[in-house]
Protein backbone atom coordinates (compact mmCIF):
# COMPACT_ATOMS: atom_id res chain seq x y z
CA UNK A 1 3.14 26.11 -32.98
CA UNK A 2 3.53 29.63 -32.38
CA UNK A 3 6.60 31.02 -30.67
CA UNK A 4 5.50 30.92 -27.12
CA UNK A 5 4.76 27.25 -27.87
CA UNK A 6 8.08 27.05 -29.43
CA UNK A 7 10.05 28.50 -26.30
CA UNK A 8 7.63 26.71 -23.89
CA UNK A 9 8.75 23.03 -25.60
CA UNK A 10 12.39 24.59 -25.72
CA UNK A 11 12.03 25.45 -21.43
CA UNK A 12 10.77 21.79 -21.06
CA UNK A 13 13.87 20.33 -22.68
CA UNK A 14 16.45 22.07 -20.76
CA UNK A 15 17.04 24.09 -24.16
CA UNK A 16 18.73 27.58 -23.56
CA UNK A 17 21.66 29.83 -25.35
CA UNK A 18 22.04 31.47 -28.31
CA UNK A 19 20.70 30.27 -32.15
CA UNK A 20 24.37 29.34 -33.06
CA UNK A 21 24.55 26.71 -30.44
CA UNK A 22 24.07 22.99 -32.04
CA UNK A 23 20.40 22.50 -31.81
CA UNK A 24 20.55 25.03 -34.93
CA UNK A 25 23.22 23.60 -36.11
CA UNK A 26 21.79 19.88 -36.38
CA UNK A 27 18.48 21.43 -37.28
CA UNK A 28 16.40 20.66 -34.42
CA UNK A 29 15.79 24.17 -32.85
CA UNK A 30 12.24 24.29 -34.90
CA UNK A 31 10.02 22.41 -32.56
CA UNK A 32 9.08 19.54 -34.63
CA UNK A 33 13.00 18.78 -34.80
CA UNK A 34 13.08 19.07 -31.45
CA UNK A 35 9.93 16.73 -30.45
CA UNK A 36 11.08 14.05 -33.43
CA UNK A 37 14.80 13.72 -31.55
CA UNK A 38 13.47 13.23 -27.94
CA UNK A 39 10.35 11.02 -28.99
CA UNK A 40 12.82 8.85 -31.21
CA UNK A 41 15.06 8.32 -27.66
CA UNK A 42 12.08 7.87 -25.61
CA UNK A 43 11.08 5.15 -27.97
CA UNK A 44 14.23 3.38 -28.32
CA UNK A 45 14.83 3.15 -24.52
CA UNK A 46 11.08 2.03 -24.24
CA UNK A 47 11.10 -0.90 -26.30
CA UNK A 48 14.34 -2.20 -24.72
CA UNK A 49 12.55 -1.80 -21.35
CA UNK A 50 9.94 -3.74 -23.21
CA UNK A 51 12.54 -6.38 -23.46
CA UNK A 52 13.31 -6.62 -19.87
CA UNK A 53 9.70 -6.70 -19.24
CA UNK A 54 9.12 -9.42 -21.32
CA UNK A 55 11.59 -11.22 -19.14
CA UNK A 56 9.90 -10.28 -15.75
CA UNK A 57 6.70 -11.70 -17.33
CA UNK A 58 8.08 -14.72 -17.90
CA UNK A 59 9.83 -15.25 -15.16
CA UNK A 60 8.52 -14.09 -12.19
CA UNK A 61 4.90 -16.51 -12.21
CA UNK A 62 7.53 -19.39 -12.58
CA UNK A 63 9.50 -18.28 -9.44
CA UNK A 64 12.40 -17.56 -11.52
CA UNK A 65 14.88 -15.16 -10.94
CA UNK A 66 14.89 -11.99 -13.68
CA UNK A 67 19.36 -11.56 -13.27
CA UNK A 68 20.78 -14.38 -13.12
CA UNK A 69 19.99 -15.97 -16.08
CA UNK A 70 20.69 -14.85 -19.65
CA UNK A 71 18.28 -14.54 -22.36
CA UNK A 72 17.81 -18.43 -23.81
CA UNK A 73 15.56 -19.86 -25.81
CA UNK A 74 13.00 -22.03 -24.65
CA UNK A 75 13.14 -25.00 -27.24
CA UNK A 76 16.72 -25.78 -27.79
CA UNK A 77 18.45 -23.45 -24.64
CA UNK A 78 20.79 -22.12 -26.83
CA UNK A 79 21.79 -17.98 -25.58
CA UNK A 80 20.68 -15.38 -27.02
CA UNK A 81 23.45 -13.21 -28.36
CA UNK A 82 23.55 -9.59 -28.34
CA UNK A 83 22.38 -8.99 -32.33
CA UNK A 84 19.78 -11.26 -31.36
CA UNK A 85 18.50 -9.33 -28.85
CA UNK A 86 18.13 -6.00 -30.33
CA UNK A 87 14.43 -4.82 -29.32
CA UNK A 88 11.99 -4.82 -32.47
CA UNK A 89 14.85 -5.11 -34.83
CA UNK A 90 15.75 -9.00 -33.89
CA UNK A 91 12.42 -10.14 -33.82
CA UNK A 92 11.89 -8.82 -37.30
CA UNK A 93 15.12 -9.87 -39.30
CA UNK A 94 14.72 -13.14 -37.55
CA UNK A 95 10.99 -13.26 -38.78
CA UNK A 96 9.98 -14.38 -35.29
CA UNK A 97 11.83 -17.88 -35.04
CA UNK A 98 14.94 -18.87 -33.15
CA UNK A 99 18.39 -19.05 -34.97
CA UNK A 100 19.23 -22.11 -34.39
CA UNK A 101 16.51 -24.67 -33.63
CA UNK A 102 13.57 -21.83 -35.86
CA UNK A 103 10.99 -22.08 -32.51
CA UNK A 104 8.52 -19.47 -32.93
CA UNK A 105 8.95 -16.76 -31.25
CA UNK A 106 5.30 -15.62 -30.20
CA UNK A 107 4.70 -12.18 -31.25
CA UNK A 108 3.60 -10.80 -27.78
CA UNK A 109 7.51 -10.61 -27.56
CA UNK A 110 7.21 -7.59 -30.29
CA UNK A 111 3.81 -5.84 -29.29
CA UNK A 112 5.63 -5.56 -26.12
CA UNK A 113 8.42 -4.01 -27.13
CA UNK A 114 6.87 -1.66 -29.61
CA UNK A 115 3.30 -0.75 -26.80
CA UNK A 116 6.28 -0.04 -24.19
CA UNK A 117 8.59 2.20 -26.65
CA UNK A 118 4.87 3.64 -27.69
CA UNK A 119 3.64 4.27 -24.14
CA UNK A 120 7.54 6.10 -23.27
CA UNK A 121 6.63 8.46 -26.04
CA UNK A 122 3.93 8.95 -25.01
CA UNK A 123 4.31 9.64 -21.77
CA UNK A 124 6.95 12.45 -22.84
CA UNK A 125 4.96 14.18 -25.49
CA UNK A 126 2.25 14.47 -22.55
CA UNK A 127 3.92 15.67 -20.31
CA UNK A 128 5.64 18.18 -22.38
CA UNK A 129 1.92 19.22 -24.34
CA UNK A 130 0.66 19.77 -20.99
CA UNK A 131 3.59 21.81 -19.63
CA UNK A 132 4.55 19.49 -16.84
CA UNK A 133 7.76 19.67 -14.82
CA UNK A 134 10.34 17.11 -16.49
CA UNK A 135 10.71 15.48 -13.55
CA UNK A 136 7.06 13.96 -13.67
CA UNK A 137 8.65 11.36 -15.93
CA UNK A 138 10.60 9.55 -13.00
CA UNK A 139 7.13 8.56 -11.61
CA UNK A 140 5.23 8.28 -14.83
CA UNK A 141 7.94 5.68 -16.57
CA UNK A 142 7.82 3.67 -13.33
CA UNK A 143 3.85 3.79 -13.19
CA UNK A 144 3.83 2.61 -16.98
CA UNK A 145 6.27 -0.22 -16.37
CA UNK A 146 4.50 -1.17 -13.52
CA UNK A 147 1.13 -1.22 -15.58
CA UNK A 148 2.37 -3.31 -18.71
CA UNK A 149 3.40 -6.35 -15.82
CA UNK A 150 0.59 -6.08 -13.56
CA UNK A 151 -1.63 -6.52 -17.08
CA UNK A 152 -0.30 -9.45 -18.31
CA UNK A 153 0.70 -11.55 -14.97
CA UNK A 154 -2.85 -10.99 -13.53
CA UNK A 155 -3.75 -12.08 -16.76
CA UNK A 156 -2.59 -15.19 -17.36
CA UNK A 157 -1.60 -16.21 -13.70
CA UNK A 158 -4.43 -14.28 -11.33
CA UNK A 159 -1.44 -12.99 -9.75
CA UNK A 160 0.38 -9.35 -8.51
CA UNK A 161 3.78 -10.35 -7.52
CA UNK A 162 5.51 -8.23 -4.52
CA UNK A 163 8.61 -8.75 -7.34
CA UNK A 164 6.85 -5.63 -9.03
CA UNK A 165 5.07 -3.79 -6.70
CA UNK A 166 7.93 -3.53 -3.57
CA UNK A 167 10.08 -1.99 -6.14
CA UNK A 168 8.03 0.75 -7.62
CA UNK A 169 7.01 1.84 -3.73
CA UNK A 170 10.80 2.25 -3.32
CA UNK A 171 11.17 4.31 -6.38
CA UNK A 172 8.03 6.21 -5.56
CA UNK A 173 9.70 7.31 -2.35
CA UNK A 174 13.30 7.73 -3.68
CA UNK A 175 11.93 10.33 -6.70
CA UNK A 176 9.45 11.80 -4.22
CA UNK A 177 12.71 12.82 -1.77
CA UNK A 178 14.96 13.38 -5.12
CA UNK A 179 13.23 15.02 -7.21
CA UNK A 180 10.24 16.46 -5.58
CA UNK A 181 9.17 18.67 -8.57
CA UNK A 182 7.42 15.50 -9.65
CA UNK A 183 5.03 15.99 -7.40
CA UNK A 184 4.70 19.99 -7.80
CA UNK A 185 6.74 20.35 -4.42
CA UNK A 186 9.78 22.37 -3.42
CA UNK A 187 11.75 20.18 -0.86
CA UNK A 188 12.40 16.49 -0.41
CA UNK A 189 10.39 17.34 2.56
CA UNK A 190 7.10 17.73 1.20
CA UNK A 191 8.19 15.52 -1.40
CA UNK A 192 8.31 12.50 0.41
CA UNK A 193 5.51 13.27 2.83
CA UNK A 194 3.29 13.59 -0.30
CA UNK A 195 4.36 10.06 -1.77
CA UNK A 196 4.45 8.54 1.65
CA UNK A 197 0.99 9.88 2.30
CA UNK A 198 -0.72 8.17 -0.80
CA UNK A 199 1.62 4.56 -0.34
CA UNK A 200 -0.12 4.85 3.81
CA UNK A 201 -3.33 5.66 3.22
CA UNK A 202 -3.62 3.56 0.49
CA UNK A 203 -2.35 0.80 2.40
CA UNK A 204 -3.92 1.45 5.59
CA UNK A 205 -7.09 1.89 3.52
CA UNK A 206 -7.56 -1.17 1.50
CA UNK A 207 -6.32 -3.49 4.06
CA UNK A 208 -9.28 -2.23 6.16
CA UNK A 209 -11.45 -2.79 3.62
CA UNK A 210 -9.81 -6.08 2.27
CA UNK A 211 -10.12 -7.41 5.99
CA UNK A 212 -13.91 -6.48 7.10
CA UNK A 213 -15.21 -7.50 3.83
CA UNK A 214 -13.79 -10.59 4.12
CA UNK A 215 -14.77 -11.32 7.04
CA UNK A 216 -19.02 -9.94 5.83
CA UNK A 217 -18.60 -11.74 2.67
CA UNK A 218 -17.20 -14.93 3.70
CA UNK A 219 -15.03 -14.41 0.85
CA UNK A 220 -12.12 -12.61 -0.63
CA UNK A 221 -13.24 -9.05 -1.77
CA UNK A 222 -9.97 -7.72 -2.54
CA UNK A 223 -6.85 -9.71 -2.92
CA UNK A 224 -3.79 -8.63 -1.14
CA UNK A 225 -2.06 -8.31 -4.43
CA UNK A 226 -4.56 -5.32 -5.27
CA UNK A 227 -3.61 -4.14 -2.03
CA UNK A 228 -0.06 -3.53 -2.67
CA UNK A 229 -0.55 -2.51 -6.20
CA UNK A 230 -2.22 0.50 -5.32
CA UNK A 231 0.13 1.19 -2.28
CA UNK A 232 3.05 1.36 -5.17
CA UNK A 233 0.49 3.85 -7.37
CA UNK A 234 -0.15 5.67 -4.16
CA UNK A 235 3.51 6.02 -3.94
CA UNK A 236 4.06 6.91 -7.74
CA UNK A 237 0.89 9.05 -8.41
CA UNK A 238 -0.19 10.73 -4.65
CA UNK A 239 -2.81 10.15 -2.98
CA UNK A 240 -5.15 11.63 -5.39
CA UNK A 241 -3.75 9.63 -8.32
CA UNK A 242 -4.17 6.64 -6.65
CA UNK A 243 -7.58 7.51 -5.73
CA UNK A 244 -8.35 7.90 -9.30
CA UNK A 245 -6.80 5.06 -10.52
CA UNK A 246 -8.68 3.14 -8.45
CA UNK A 247 -11.83 4.47 -9.16
CA UNK A 248 -11.70 4.16 -12.77
CA UNK A 249 -10.09 0.92 -12.04
CA UNK A 250 -13.06 -0.51 -10.33
CA UNK A 251 -15.50 1.20 -13.12
CA UNK A 252 -13.02 -1.16 -15.71
CA UNK A 253 -13.23 -3.93 -13.50
CA UNK A 254 -17.48 -3.84 -13.60
CA UNK A 255 -18.12 -3.19 -16.76
CA UNK A 256 -15.73 -5.56 -17.95
CA UNK A 257 -17.43 -7.83 -15.53
CA UNK A 258 -20.36 -7.30 -17.33
CA UNK A 259 -19.76 -7.46 -20.46
CA UNK A 260 -18.27 -11.15 -19.49
CA UNK A 261 -21.56 -12.45 -18.06
CA UNK A 262 -23.55 -10.65 -20.94
CA UNK A 263 -21.05 -13.06 -22.82
CA UNK A 264 -21.22 -16.21 -20.75
CA UNK A 265 -25.16 -15.83 -20.49
CA UNK A 266 -25.95 -15.46 -24.50
CA UNK A 267 -23.85 -18.44 -24.94
CA UNK A 268 -25.31 -20.66 -22.04
CA UNK A 269 -22.69 -20.99 -19.74
CA UNK A 270 -23.58 -20.22 -15.97
CA UNK A 271 -22.99 -16.48 -15.90
CA UNK A 272 -23.52 -15.66 -11.75
CA UNK A 273 -20.04 -15.91 -9.96
CA UNK A 274 -18.03 -14.13 -12.62
CA UNK A 275 -14.84 -13.26 -11.18
CA UNK A 276 -12.33 -11.51 -13.14
CA UNK A 277 -8.85 -9.82 -12.20
CA UNK A 278 -8.37 -6.52 -11.12
CA UNK A 279 -4.70 -5.99 -12.30
CA UNK A 280 -5.04 -5.71 -15.60
CA UNK A 281 -8.48 -2.57 -14.66
CA UNK A 282 -5.86 -1.33 -12.48
CA UNK A 283 -3.19 -1.24 -14.88
CA UNK A 284 -5.32 0.26 -17.21
CA UNK A 285 -6.36 3.28 -15.18
CA UNK A 286 -2.89 3.60 -14.00
CA UNK A 287 -2.21 4.45 -17.74
CA UNK A 288 -4.88 6.95 -18.35
CA UNK A 289 -3.91 8.68 -14.81
CA UNK A 290 -0.73 9.91 -16.86
CA UNK A 291 -2.13 10.86 -20.41
CA UNK A 292 -4.92 12.66 -19.08
CA UNK A 293 -5.55 12.06 -15.15
CA UNK A 294 -5.27 14.93 -13.33
CA UNK A 295 -7.47 16.73 -16.57
CA UNK A 296 -9.80 14.05 -15.82
CA UNK A 297 -10.10 14.78 -12.01
CA UNK A 298 -10.32 18.03 -12.33
CA UNK A 299 -13.52 17.92 -14.55
CA UNK A 300 -14.73 15.57 -12.15
CA UNK A 301 -14.46 17.10 -9.25
CA UNK A 302 -15.28 20.70 -9.94
CA UNK A 303 -16.98 20.48 -13.54
CA UNK A 304 -13.76 21.42 -16.16
CA UNK A 305 -13.33 25.07 -13.79
C-alpha cells in the first residue's frame, strides 16, 4: 500500500499523533498490522454475535424468549457453562457434542458463528477500503445480522418474525439521529429524515402493492413479513439501499424459482405453482448491498460514472 493509503487507513480508525505512540510500539502502525488487529476483533465480536443469533433462530419460531432462559442442552437439559459457550472454540473443543450426555450439536451452530464473524470482519474491511466513514458500520452490522436471522428462519419456517424486524427499524432510526454520518448527513434531522423516508417509503409502497396485488391475483403476492423486512432495510440502508435490496432480491427470487421449477420438471414432479420464500433472497441482496451495493447502484444508474 502507498503512504496515502496507509494514512487513509489510519484516519478511518481514528489513529493520529506522533510515531512514538502506542501503535508504533506494538508494531501496528504499518497498514497490515492495523488491519489484522481490527479485523481480528471484528471477527471475535461477530462470532459472539453469531452465538446469540443461533439462539434467535432456534427460539423465536417456537415463541420462546431469547433472554429469559439460559443456554441449555436440548437433549439432557443441562445448563451450558460459560466455558462451554465460547464461540467456535467450545464447539471444536467438545467436538460438537454435549459435555454431559454426548448429544451431537448440529454443525450449523459452528457455521453460524464462523460466518457471522467473517461477515463482520468483511464489513469492516469493506468500509475502510471504500473510504466510508466508520459510522456506516452502525447500520451495516445490524443489517447483516437481520439478514442472517431472516435467511435461516424464513428458509425453514416460512416466517419473518416481528421480533427481528421491529428492533431493526428502531436501530435504524436511532443510529440515523445519533450518527447521521452513517448516511452522509451532517445533522440529526437530516439523518432521521433519510432513514425515516426509507422506512415509510418501503412500508407504504409495498403495503399498497400487497393489498392491491392480493385483490387482483386472489392470492397473496407479497407477504407482510417481507413488507416489514423491507421497512427495516429502508431504515438501515435508506431508500436507495432499500430499492436496491428489493430489486436485487426479487431478481434472485425469480432466478431461484426458475431453478427449482426446472429441477422439479426434470424429476417428473409438478413444477407449476412453485413457491419459494422471498426472505432469503432479500437477505442475500442485503449482504450484497453492504459490500458492493453503492458501486453497483451507480453502475446501473450511470453506467459506471
